[in-house]
All heavy atoms as atom14 arrays in JSON, in Angstrom:
{
  "sequence": "KGDVPRSRELTMTGVMLSGASFILFLSVPIANRLVEDFSSSLRIDRSK",
  "atom14_mask": [
    [1, 1, 1, 1, 1, 1, 1, 1, 1, 0, 0, 0, 0, 0],
    [1, 1, 1, 1, 0, 0, 0, 0, 0, 0, 0, 0, 0, 0],
    [1, 1, 1, 1, 1, 1, 1, 1, 0, 0, 0, 0, 0, 0],
    [1, 1, 1, 1, 1, 1, 1, 0, 0, 0, 0, 0, 0, 0],
    [1, 1, 1, 1, 1, 1, 1, 0, 0, 0, 0, 0, 0, 0],
    [1, 1, 1, 1, 1, 1, 1, 1, 1, 1, 1, 0, 0, 0],
    [1, 1, 1, 1, 1, 1, 0, 0, 0, 0, 0, 0, 0, 0],
    [1, 1, 1, 1, 1, 1, 1, 1, 1, 1, 1, 0, 0, 0],
    [1, 1, 1, 1, 1, 1, 1, 1, 1, 0, 0, 0, 0, 0],
    [1, 1, 1, 1, 1, 1, 1, 1, 0, 0, 0, 0, 0, 0],
    [1, 1, 1, 1, 1, 1, 1, 0, 0, 0, 0, 0, 0, 0],
    [1, 1, 1, 1, 1, 1, 1, 1, 0, 0, 0, 0, 0, 0],
    [1, 1, 1, 1, 1, 1, 1, 0, 0, 0, 0, 0, 0, 0],
    [1, 1, 1, 1, 0, 0, 0, 0, 0, 0, 0, 0, 0, 0],
    [1, 1, 1, 1, 1, 1, 1, 0, 0, 0, 0, 0, 0, 0],
    [1, 1, 1, 1, 1, 1, 1, 1, 0, 0, 0, 0, 0, 0],
    [1, 1, 1, 1, 1, 1, 1, 1, 0, 0, 0, 0, 0, 0],
    [1, 1, 1, 1, 1, 1, 0, 0, 0, 0, 0, 0, 0, 0],
    [1, 1, 1, 1, 0, 0, 0, 0, 0, 0, 0, 0, 0, 0],
    [1, 1, 1, 1, 1, 0, 0, 0, 0, 0, 0, 0, 0, 0],
    [1, 1, 1, 1, 1, 1, 0, 0, 0, 0, 0, 0, 0, 0],
    [1, 1, 1, 1, 1, 1, 1, 1, 1, 1, 1, 0, 0, 0],
    [1, 1, 1, 1, 1, 1, 1, 1, 0, 0, 0, 0, 0, 0],
    [1, 1, 1, 1, 1, 1, 1, 1, 0, 0, 0, 0, 0, 0],
    [1, 1, 1, 1, 1, 1, 1, 1, 1, 1, 1, 0, 0, 0],
    [1, 1, 1, 1, 1, 1, 1, 1, 0, 0, 0, 0, 0, 0],
    [1, 1, 1, 1, 1, 1, 0, 0, 0, 0, 0, 0, 0, 0],
    [1, 1, 1, 1, 1, 1, 1, 0, 0, 0, 0, 0, 0, 0],
    [1, 1, 1, 1, 1, 1, 1, 0, 0, 0, 0, 0, 0, 0],
    [1, 1, 1, 1, 1, 1, 1, 1, 0, 0, 0, 0, 0, 0],
    [1, 1, 1, 1, 1, 0, 0, 0, 0, 0, 0, 0, 0, 0],
    [1, 1, 1, 1, 1, 1, 1, 1, 0, 0, 0, 0, 0, 0],
    [1, 1, 1, 1, 1, 1, 1, 1, 1, 1, 1, 0, 0, 0],
    [1, 1, 1, 1, 1, 1, 1, 1, 0, 0, 0, 0, 0, 0],
    [1, 1, 1, 1, 1, 1, 1, 0, 0, 0, 0, 0, 0, 0],
    [1, 1, 1, 1, 1, 1, 1, 1, 1, 0, 0, 0, 0, 0],
    [1, 1, 1, 1, 1, 1, 1, 1, 0, 0, 0, 0, 0, 0],
    [1, 1, 1, 1, 1, 1, 1, 1, 1, 1, 1, 0, 0, 0],
    [1, 1, 1, 1, 1, 1, 0, 0, 0, 0, 0, 0, 0, 0],
    [1, 1, 1, 1, 1, 1, 0, 0, 0, 0, 0, 0, 0, 0],
    [1, 1, 1, 1, 1, 1, 0, 0, 0, 0, 0, 0, 0, 0],
    [1, 1, 1, 1, 1, 1, 1, 1, 0, 0, 0, 0, 0, 0],
    [1, 1, 1, 1, 1, 1, 1, 1, 1, 1, 1, 0, 0, 0],
    [1, 1, 1, 1, 1, 1, 1, 1, 0, 0, 0, 0, 0, 0],
    [1, 1, 1, 1, 1, 1, 1, 1, 0, 0, 0, 0, 0, 0],
    [1, 1, 1, 1, 1, 1, 1, 1, 1, 1, 1, 0, 0, 0],
    [1, 1, 1, 1, 1, 1, 0, 0, 0, 0, 0, 0, 0, 0],
    [1, 1, 1, 1, 1, 1, 1, 1, 1, 0, 0, 0, 0, 0]
  ],
  "atom14_positions": [
    [[0.82, -1.22, 0.0], [0.0, 0.0, 0.0], [0.85, 1.27, 0.0], [0.3, 2.37, 0.02], [-0.92, 0.01, 1.23], [-1.94, -1.12, 1.24], [-2.76, -1.08, 2.52], [-3.76, -2.24, 2.57], [-4.54, -2.22, 3.83], [0.0, 0.0, 0.0], [0.0, 0.0, 0.0], [0.0, 0.0, 0.0], [0.0, 0.0, 0.0], [0.0, 0.0, 0.0]],
    [[2.17, 1.12, 0.0], [3.05, 2.28, 0.03], [3.29, 2.82, 1.42], [3.83, 3.92, 1.57], [0.0, 0.0, 0.0], [0.0, 0.0, 0.0], [0.0, 0.0, 0.0], [0.0, 0.0, 0.0], [0.0, 0.0, 0.0], [0.0, 0.0, 0.0], [0.0, 0.0, 0.0], [0.0, 0.0, 0.0], [0.0, 0.0, 0.0], [0.0, 0.0, 0.0]],
    [[2.9, 2.06, 2.43], [3.08, 2.49, 3.81], [4.42, 1.96, 4.33], [4.53, 0.82, 4.77], [1.93, 1.96, 4.67], [1.97, 2.51, 6.09], [2.83, 3.37, 6.36], [1.15, 2.07, 6.92], [0.0, 0.0, 0.0], [0.0, 0.0, 0.0], [0.0, 0.0, 0.0], [0.0, 0.0, 0.0], [0.0, 0.0, 0.0], [0.0, 0.0, 0.0]],
    [[5.45, 2.8, 4.27], [6.78, 2.45, 4.74], [7.31, 3.6, 5.59], [6.86, 4.74, 5.45], [7.75, 2.18, 3.56], [7.34, 0.94, 2.79], [7.79, 3.38, 2.62], [0.0, 0.0, 0.0], [0.0, 0.0, 0.0], [0.0, 0.0, 0.0], [0.0, 0.0, 0.0], [0.0, 0.0, 0.0], [0.0, 0.0, 0.0], [0.0, 0.0, 0.0]],
    [[8.25, 3.33, 6.49], [8.79, 4.42, 7.32], [9.58, 5.42, 6.46], [10.36, 5.05, 5.59], [9.69, 3.69, 8.32], [10.03, 2.39, 7.67], [8.85, 2.03, 6.83], [0.0, 0.0, 0.0], [0.0, 0.0, 0.0], [0.0, 0.0, 0.0], [0.0, 0.0, 0.0], [0.0, 0.0, 0.0], [0.0, 0.0, 0.0], [0.0, 0.0, 0.0]],
    [[9.36, 6.69, 6.74], [10.05, 7.76, 6.03], [10.43, 8.87, 7.02], [9.75, 9.07, 8.03], [9.15, 8.35, 4.95], [8.92, 7.43, 3.75], [10.15, 7.39, 2.88], [9.92, 6.6, 1.66], [10.34, 5.38, 1.47], [11.0, 4.76, 2.45], [10.11, 4.74, 0.35], [0.0, 0.0, 0.0], [0.0, 0.0, 0.0], [0.0, 0.0, 0.0]],
    [[11.5, 9.56, 6.73], [11.95, 10.69, 7.55], [12.23, 11.87, 6.63], [13.16, 11.83, 5.82], [13.2, 10.32, 8.35], [13.73, 11.45, 9.0], [0.0, 0.0, 0.0], [0.0, 0.0, 0.0], [0.0, 0.0, 0.0], [0.0, 0.0, 0.0], [0.0, 0.0, 0.0], [0.0, 0.0, 0.0], [0.0, 0.0, 0.0], [0.0, 0.0, 0.0]],
    [[11.41, 12.9, 6.74], [11.62, 14.1, 5.92], [12.94, 14.77, 6.27], [13.62, 15.32, 5.39], [10.47, 15.08, 6.14], [9.11, 14.55, 5.7], [8.03, 15.56, 6.02], [6.7, 15.05, 5.68], [5.58, 15.71, 5.94], [5.63, 16.9, 6.54], [4.42, 15.19, 5.61], [0.0, 0.0, 0.0], [0.0, 0.0, 0.0], [0.0, 0.0, 0.0]],
    [[13.29, 14.72, 7.54], [14.53, 15.37, 7.96], [15.74, 14.67, 7.36], [16.72, 15.32, 6.96], [14.63, 15.37, 9.49], [13.35, 15.76, 10.21], [12.75, 17.04, 9.69], [13.52, 17.95, 9.31], [11.51, 17.15, 9.66], [0.0, 0.0, 0.0], [0.0, 0.0, 0.0], [0.0, 0.0, 0.0], [0.0, 0.0, 0.0], [0.0, 0.0, 0.0]],
    [[15.69, 13.35, 7.28], [16.79, 12.61, 6.67], [16.9, 12.94, 5.19], [18.01, 13.11, 4.66], [16.58, 11.11, 6.87], [17.67, 10.19, 6.32], [19.0, 10.46, 7.01], [17.28, 8.72, 6.49], [0.0, 0.0, 0.0], [0.0, 0.0, 0.0], [0.0, 0.0, 0.0], [0.0, 0.0, 0.0], [0.0, 0.0, 0.0], [0.0, 0.0, 0.0]],
    [[15.75, 13.04, 4.52], [15.76, 13.38, 3.09], [16.32, 14.78, 2.87], [17.16, 14.99, 1.98], [14.34, 13.3, 2.52], [13.82, 11.98, 2.74], [14.33, 13.61, 1.05], [0.0, 0.0, 0.0], [0.0, 0.0, 0.0], [0.0, 0.0, 0.0], [0.0, 0.0, 0.0], [0.0, 0.0, 0.0], [0.0, 0.0, 0.0], [0.0, 0.0, 0.0]],
    [[15.88, 15.73, 3.69], [16.37, 17.1, 3.54], [17.87, 17.18, 3.82], [18.61, 17.88, 3.13], [15.61, 18.04, 4.48], [16.01, 19.51, 4.34], [15.0, 20.58, 5.39], [13.39, 20.35, 4.63], [0.0, 0.0, 0.0], [0.0, 0.0, 0.0], [0.0, 0.0, 0.0], [0.0, 0.0, 0.0], [0.0, 0.0, 0.0], [0.0, 0.0, 0.0]],
    [[18.32, 16.45, 4.83], [19.75, 16.44, 5.15], [20.56, 15.88, 3.99], [21.61, 16.42, 3.61], [20.0, 15.61, 6.41], [19.24, 16.14, 7.49], [21.48, 15.63, 6.78], [0.0, 0.0, 0.0], [0.0, 0.0, 0.0], [0.0, 0.0, 0.0], [0.0, 0.0, 0.0], [0.0, 0.0, 0.0], [0.0, 0.0, 0.0], [0.0, 0.0, 0.0]],
    [[20.07, 14.78, 3.39], [20.77, 14.2, 2.25], [20.83, 15.14, 1.07], [21.86, 15.24, 0.39], [0.0, 0.0, 0.0], [0.0, 0.0, 0.0], [0.0, 0.0, 0.0], [0.0, 0.0, 0.0], [0.0, 0.0, 0.0], [0.0, 0.0, 0.0], [0.0, 0.0, 0.0], [0.0, 0.0, 0.0], [0.0, 0.0, 0.0], [0.0, 0.0, 0.0]],
    [[19.74, 15.86, 0.8], [19.72, 16.82, -0.31], [20.69, 17.97, -0.05], [21.45, 18.38, -0.94], [18.28, 17.35, -0.51], [18.28, 18.49, -1.52], [17.37, 16.23, -0.98], [0.0, 0.0, 0.0], [0.0, 0.0, 0.0], [0.0, 0.0, 0.0], [0.0, 0.0, 0.0], [0.0, 0.0, 0.0], [0.0, 0.0, 0.0], [0.0, 0.0, 0.0]],
    [[20.69, 18.48, 1.17], [21.6, 19.59, 1.51], [23.06, 19.17, 1.39], [23.9, 19.9, 0.82], [21.3, 20.07, 2.93], [19.95, 20.74, 3.08], [19.94, 22.45, 2.54], [20.8, 23.24, 3.88], [0.0, 0.0, 0.0], [0.0, 0.0, 0.0], [0.0, 0.0, 0.0], [0.0, 0.0, 0.0], [0.0, 0.0, 0.0], [0.0, 0.0, 0.0]],
    [[23.39, 18.0, 1.91], [24.78, 17.54, 1.84], [25.21, 17.28, 0.4], [26.33, 17.6, 0.0], [24.94, 16.26, 2.67], [24.85, 16.44, 4.19], [24.88, 15.08, 4.88], [25.99, 17.31, 4.71], [0.0, 0.0, 0.0], [0.0, 0.0, 0.0], [0.0, 0.0, 0.0], [0.0, 0.0, 0.0], [0.0, 0.0, 0.0], [0.0, 0.0, 0.0]],
    [[24.31, 16.7, -0.41], [24.64, 16.43, -1.81], [24.83, 17.73, -2.58], [25.79, 17.86, -3.37], [23.52, 15.61, -2.46], [23.35, 14.38, -1.79], [0.0, 0.0, 0.0], [0.0, 0.0, 0.0], [0.0, 0.0, 0.0], [0.0, 0.0, 0.0], [0.0, 0.0, 0.0], [0.0, 0.0, 0.0], [0.0, 0.0, 0.0], [0.0, 0.0, 0.0]],
    [[23.93, 18.68, -2.36], [24.07, 19.97, -3.05], [25.33, 20.71, -2.66], [26.04, 21.27, -3.51], [0.0, 0.0, 0.0], [0.0, 0.0, 0.0], [0.0, 0.0, 0.0], [0.0, 0.0, 0.0], [0.0, 0.0, 0.0], [0.0, 0.0, 0.0], [0.0, 0.0, 0.0], [0.0, 0.0, 0.0], [0.0, 0.0, 0.0], [0.0, 0.0, 0.0]],
    [[25.65, 20.69, -1.36], [26.86, 21.37, -0.89], [28.11, 20.72, -1.46], [29.05, 21.41, -1.91], [26.9, 21.37, 0.63], [0.0, 0.0, 0.0], [0.0, 0.0, 0.0], [0.0, 0.0, 0.0], [0.0, 0.0, 0.0], [0.0, 0.0, 0.0], [0.0, 0.0, 0.0], [0.0, 0.0, 0.0], [0.0, 0.0, 0.0], [0.0, 0.0, 0.0]],
    [[28.14, 19.41, -1.48], [29.31, 18.69, -2.02], [29.48, 18.97, -3.5], [30.61, 19.19, -3.98], [29.15, 17.19, -1.78], [29.0, 16.91, -0.41], [0.0, 0.0, 0.0], [0.0, 0.0, 0.0], [0.0, 0.0, 0.0], [0.0, 0.0, 0.0], [0.0, 0.0, 0.0], [0.0, 0.0, 0.0], [0.0, 0.0, 0.0], [0.0, 0.0, 0.0]],
    [[28.38, 18.98, -4.24], [28.45, 19.26, -5.68], [29.01, 20.65, -5.94], [29.88, 20.84, -6.81], [27.06, 19.11, -6.29], [27.02, 19.35, -7.77], [27.28, 18.32, -8.65], [26.73, 20.61, -8.29], [27.25, 18.53, -10.03], [26.69, 20.83, -9.64], [26.96, 19.78, -10.52], [0.0, 0.0, 0.0], [0.0, 0.0, 0.0], [0.0, 0.0, 0.0]],
    [[28.51, 21.62, -5.21], [28.97, 23.0, -5.42], [30.45, 23.14, -5.08], [31.22, 23.79, -5.79], [28.11, 23.97, -4.6], [26.69, 24.01, -5.14], [28.71, 25.38, -4.61], [25.72, 24.82, -4.32], [0.0, 0.0, 0.0], [0.0, 0.0, 0.0], [0.0, 0.0, 0.0], [0.0, 0.0, 0.0], [0.0, 0.0, 0.0], [0.0, 0.0, 0.0]],
    [[30.88, 22.53, -3.97], [32.28, 22.68, -3.55], [33.24, 22.01, -4.53], [34.3, 22.57, -4.85], [32.46, 22.08, -2.15], [31.84, 22.88, -1.0], [31.98, 22.13, 0.31], [32.49, 24.25, -0.88], [0.0, 0.0, 0.0], [0.0, 0.0, 0.0], [0.0, 0.0, 0.0], [0.0, 0.0, 0.0], [0.0, 0.0, 0.0], [0.0, 0.0, 0.0]],
    [[32.89, 20.81, -5.01], [33.81, 20.08, -5.9], [33.81, 20.63, -7.32], [34.82, 20.52, -8.03], [33.43, 18.6, -5.92], [33.85, 17.86, -4.7], [32.9, 17.36, -3.82], [35.19, 17.67, -4.39], [33.28, 16.67, -2.67], [35.58, 17.0, -3.26], [34.62, 16.49, -2.38], [0.0, 0.0, 0.0], [0.0, 0.0, 0.0], [0.0, 0.0, 0.0]],
    [[32.71, 21.25, -7.75], [32.61, 21.72, -9.14], [32.4, 23.22, -9.23], [31.83, 23.71, -10.21], [31.45, 20.99, -9.84], [31.58, 19.46, -9.94], [30.35, 18.86, -10.59], [32.82, 19.07, -10.74], [0.0, 0.0, 0.0], [0.0, 0.0, 0.0], [0.0, 0.0, 0.0], [0.0, 0.0, 0.0], [0.0, 0.0, 0.0], [0.0, 0.0, 0.0]],
    [[32.84, 23.94, -8.22], [32.64, 25.4, -8.24], [33.4, 26.07, -9.37], [32.9, 27.01, -10.01], [33.06, 26.0, -6.89], [34.42, 25.71, -6.63], [0.0, 0.0, 0.0], [0.0, 0.0, 0.0], [0.0, 0.0, 0.0], [0.0, 0.0, 0.0], [0.0, 0.0, 0.0], [0.0, 0.0, 0.0], [0.0, 0.0, 0.0], [0.0, 0.0, 0.0]],
    [[34.61, 25.6, -9.67], [35.42, 26.23, -10.72], [34.81, 26.03, -12.11], [34.59, 27.01, -12.84], [36.87, 25.7, -10.67], [37.68, 26.25, -11.84], [37.53, 26.08, -9.36], [0.0, 0.0, 0.0], [0.0, 0.0, 0.0], [0.0, 0.0, 0.0], [0.0, 0.0, 0.0], [0.0, 0.0, 0.0], [0.0, 0.0, 0.0], [0.0, 0.0, 0.0]],
    [[34.52, 24.8, -12.55], [33.91, 24.67, -13.88], [32.54, 25.33, -14.0], [32.19, 25.88, -15.04], [33.81, 23.15, -14.09], [33.99, 22.54, -12.75], [34.82, 23.48, -11.97], [0.0, 0.0, 0.0], [0.0, 0.0, 0.0], [0.0, 0.0, 0.0], [0.0, 0.0, 0.0], [0.0, 0.0, 0.0], [0.0, 0.0, 0.0], [0.0, 0.0, 0.0]],
    [[31.75, 25.31, -12.91], [30.44, 25.97, -12.95], [30.63, 27.48, -13.11], [29.93, 28.13, -13.9], [29.63, 25.66, -11.68], [29.23, 24.18, -11.66], [28.37, 26.52, -11.62], [28.51, 23.77, -10.4], [0.0, 0.0, 0.0], [0.0, 0.0, 0.0], [0.0, 0.0, 0.0], [0.0, 0.0, 0.0], [0.0, 0.0, 0.0], [0.0, 0.0, 0.0]],
    [[31.58, 28.04, -12.36], [31.83, 29.48, -12.45], [32.31, 29.86, -13.85], [31.85, 30.87, -14.42], [32.88, 29.89, -11.42], [0.0, 0.0, 0.0], [0.0, 0.0, 0.0], [0.0, 0.0, 0.0], [0.0, 0.0, 0.0], [0.0, 0.0, 0.0], [0.0, 0.0, 0.0], [0.0, 0.0, 0.0], [0.0, 0.0, 0.0], [0.0, 0.0, 0.0]],
    [[33.21, 29.09, -14.44], [33.69, 29.4, -15.79], [32.56, 29.34, -16.81], [32.47, 30.19, -17.71], [34.79, 28.4, -16.18], [36.04, 28.58, -15.33], [36.29, 29.66, -14.78], [36.82, 27.52, -15.2], [0.0, 0.0, 0.0], [0.0, 0.0, 0.0], [0.0, 0.0, 0.0], [0.0, 0.0, 0.0], [0.0, 0.0, 0.0], [0.0, 0.0, 0.0]],
    [[31.68, 28.36, -16.67], [30.55, 28.24, -17.6], [29.58, 29.4, -17.43], [29.07, 29.95, -18.43], [29.84, 26.91, -17.36], [28.65, 26.67, -18.29], [29.1, 26.58, -19.73], [27.96, 26.44, -20.63], [27.44, 25.27, -20.97], [27.98, 24.14, -20.5], [26.42, 25.21, -21.78], [0.0, 0.0, 0.0], [0.0, 0.0, 0.0], [0.0, 0.0, 0.0]],
    [[29.34, 29.82, -16.18], [28.45, 30.97, -15.95], [29.04, 32.25, -16.51], [28.31, 33.09, -17.06], [28.18, 31.11, -14.45], [27.28, 30.05, -13.81], [27.19, 30.26, -12.32], [25.89, 30.05, -14.43], [0.0, 0.0, 0.0], [0.0, 0.0, 0.0], [0.0, 0.0, 0.0], [0.0, 0.0, 0.0], [0.0, 0.0, 0.0], [0.0, 0.0, 0.0]],
    [[30.36, 32.42, -16.38], [31.0, 33.61, -16.94], [30.84, 33.64, -18.46], [30.54, 34.68, -19.06], [32.5, 33.64, -16.55], [33.24, 34.73, -17.33], [32.64, 33.89, -15.06], [0.0, 0.0, 0.0], [0.0, 0.0, 0.0], [0.0, 0.0, 0.0], [0.0, 0.0, 0.0], [0.0, 0.0, 0.0], [0.0, 0.0, 0.0], [0.0, 0.0, 0.0]],
    [[31.02, 32.48, -19.09], [30.85, 32.42, -20.55], [29.41, 32.73, -20.94], [29.16, 33.45, -21.92], [31.23, 31.02, -21.04], [32.71, 30.71, -20.91], [33.01, 29.29, -21.36], [32.08, 28.62, -21.85], [34.17, 28.87, -21.22], [0.0, 0.0, 0.0], [0.0, 0.0, 0.0], [0.0, 0.0, 0.0], [0.0, 0.0, 0.0], [0.0, 0.0, 0.0]],
    [[28.45, 32.2, -20.16], [27.04, 32.47, -20.48], [26.72, 33.95, -20.31], [26.01, 34.54, -21.14], [26.14, 31.63, -19.57], [26.24, 30.14, -19.88], [26.73, 29.81, -20.97], [25.86, 29.33, -19.03], [0.0, 0.0, 0.0], [0.0, 0.0, 0.0], [0.0, 0.0, 0.0], [0.0, 0.0, 0.0], [0.0, 0.0, 0.0], [0.0, 0.0, 0.0]],
    [[27.22, 34.56, -19.22], [26.98, 35.99, -19.0], [27.61, 36.82, -20.11], [27.01, 37.77, -20.63], [27.53, 36.42, -17.64], [26.68, 35.97, -16.49], [27.27, 35.6, -15.29], [25.3, 35.92, -16.6], [26.5, 35.17, -14.23], [24.52, 35.5, -15.52], [25.12, 35.12, -14.33], [0.0, 0.0, 0.0], [0.0, 0.0, 0.0], [0.0, 0.0, 0.0]],
    [[28.82, 36.46, -20.48], [29.52, 37.23, -21.51], [28.8, 37.15, -22.85], [28.6, 38.17, -23.53], [30.96, 36.72, -21.67], [31.67, 36.86, -20.46], [0.0, 0.0, 0.0], [0.0, 0.0, 0.0], [0.0, 0.0, 0.0], [0.0, 0.0, 0.0], [0.0, 0.0, 0.0], [0.0, 0.0, 0.0], [0.0, 0.0, 0.0], [0.0, 0.0, 0.0]],
    [[28.39, 35.96, -23.23], [27.68, 35.81, -24.51], [26.31, 36.46, -24.48], [25.83, 36.97, -25.5], [27.56, 34.33, -24.86], [26.81, 33.65, -23.87], [0.0, 0.0, 0.0], [0.0, 0.0, 0.0], [0.0, 0.0, 0.0], [0.0, 0.0, 0.0], [0.0, 0.0, 0.0], [0.0, 0.0, 0.0], [0.0, 0.0, 0.0], [0.0, 0.0, 0.0]],
    [[25.67, 36.47, -23.31], [24.33, 37.07, -23.22], [24.4, 38.59, -23.27], [23.49, 39.25, -23.82], [23.65, 36.62, -21.93], [23.51, 35.22, -21.9], [0.0, 0.0, 0.0], [0.0, 0.0, 0.0], [0.0, 0.0, 0.0], [0.0, 0.0, 0.0], [0.0, 0.0, 0.0], [0.0, 0.0, 0.0], [0.0, 0.0, 0.0], [0.0, 0.0, 0.0]],
    [[25.44, 39.16, -22.7], [25.55, 40.63, -22.65], [26.25, 41.22, -23.88], [26.31, 42.44, -24.02], [26.31, 41.04, -21.39], [25.62, 40.66, -20.07], [26.5, 41.02, -18.89], [24.27, 41.35, -19.94], [0.0, 0.0, 0.0], [0.0, 0.0, 0.0], [0.0, 0.0, 0.0], [0.0, 0.0, 0.0], [0.0, 0.0, 0.0], [0.0, 0.0, 0.0]],
    [[26.79, 40.36, -24.72], [27.46, 40.84, -25.92], [26.49, 40.79, -27.1], [25.94, 39.72, -27.4], [28.69, 39.96, -26.2], [29.57, 40.5, -27.31], [30.93, 39.78, -27.33], [30.77, 38.32, -27.34], [31.16, 37.53, -26.35], [31.73, 38.05, -25.27], [31.01, 36.23, -26.44], [0.0, 0.0, 0.0], [0.0, 0.0, 0.0], [0.0, 0.0, 0.0]],
    [[26.28, 41.95, -27.75], [25.32, 42.06, -28.85], [26.07, 42.44, -30.13], [26.87, 43.37, -30.15], [24.23, 43.11, -28.55], [23.52, 42.78, -27.23], [23.24, 43.21, -29.7], [22.51, 43.82, -26.82], [0.0, 0.0, 0.0], [0.0, 0.0, 0.0], [0.0, 0.0, 0.0], [0.0, 0.0, 0.0], [0.0, 0.0, 0.0], [0.0, 0.0, 0.0]],
    [[25.8, 41.71, -31.18], [26.42, 42.03, -32.47], [25.88, 43.36, -32.99], [24.71, 43.66, -32.87], [26.1, 40.89, -33.46], [26.9, 41.05, -34.73], [28.06, 40.61, -34.75], [26.35, 41.62, -35.69], [0.0, 0.0, 0.0], [0.0, 0.0, 0.0], [0.0, 0.0, 0.0], [0.0, 0.0, 0.0], [0.0, 0.0, 0.0], [0.0, 0.0, 0.0]],
    [[26.77, 44.15, -33.56], [26.41, 45.48, -33.99], [25.29, 45.47, -35.04], [24.41, 46.34, -35.05], [27.65, 46.15, -34.58], [27.46, 47.63, -34.85], [28.79, 48.26, -35.12], [28.67, 49.69, -35.05], [29.66, 50.53, -34.82], [30.85, 50.02, -34.61], [29.47, 51.82, -34.77], [0.0, 0.0, 0.0], [0.0, 0.0, 0.0], [0.0, 0.0, 0.0]],
    [[25.31, 44.49, -35.89], [24.31, 44.44, -36.97], [22.92, 44.1, -36.46], [21.94, 44.26, -37.19], [24.75, 43.43, -38.03], [24.85, 42.13, -37.45], [0.0, 0.0, 0.0], [0.0, 0.0, 0.0], [0.0, 0.0, 0.0], [0.0, 0.0, 0.0], [0.0, 0.0, 0.0], [0.0, 0.0, 0.0], [0.0, 0.0, 0.0], [0.0, 0.0, 0.0]],
    [[22.82, 43.62, -35.21], [21.51, 43.2, -34.69], [20.97, 44.12, -33.61], [20.02, 43.77, -32.92], [21.63, 41.77, -34.13], [22.02, 40.74, -35.19], [22.11, 39.36, -34.59], [22.49, 38.33, -35.65], [22.61, 36.97, -35.07], [0.0, 0.0, 0.0], [0.0, 0.0, 0.0], [0.0, 0.0, 0.0], [0.0, 0.0, 0.0], [0.0, 0.0, 0.0]]
  ]
}
């Protein structure tokens, strides 16, 4: 029936730890990609 023990706090803790670990280990490539996206978005070709 789908009745199994669950802990919302455990789920939230796992999500927070996973997100924090991802950001810390990949902060450099994410930052470089964001800089490229910002640069290309703010740069407008003269003809357009």
